Amino acid sequence: MTVAQRVENILQLSVKARNSDKELWIIYAQKSGMDLSQRQLDILRDMPSFETLRRTRQSLQESGKYRASEDVRRQRRIKSTLMREAMPQSRPERAEEIIEQSEPVQQLLNWLER
C-alpha cells in the first residue's frame, strides 16, 4: 500500500485526521505498527507539529546557524534544482514523483549515497 493509499484510507475513516495533520500522523504511525501508550499520545498531541519544527530548523539554518552536513546540503541543492526543473512539466504534487521515476536522477542519488 502506498503512502497516498494509507492516508486516503485514514481520512475516509477519521474526522480527527481530516482536521489535524498531527492526528493523521499519529493514526498513520499506529497503523504502521507503533504501539503508542496513552502517555506517548498525550506528549505527541502537546508537542508542536512536525511542520513547525521543520520550518524552525530551516529558518535557523537559512540564517547560517546549525548547518547540515555538506553531504546533506549537496543533496538538498540537487533535489531543489530537480524540483525546479520538473515543475514546469507538471502540477506541483507530481514533481517529486517525476523526479523519483527519472533514471538519471536515481543514478545520481545512488552515486551520492556511496
Foldseek 3Di string as FASTA:
>chain_A
DDPVVLLVVCVVPDPVVVVDVLVSVVVSVVVVPDDDDPVRVVVSVPDDDPVVVVVVVVVCVVVPPPHDDPLVVVVVVVVVVQLVVQPVVDPSVCSVVVLVPDPVSVVVVVVSVD
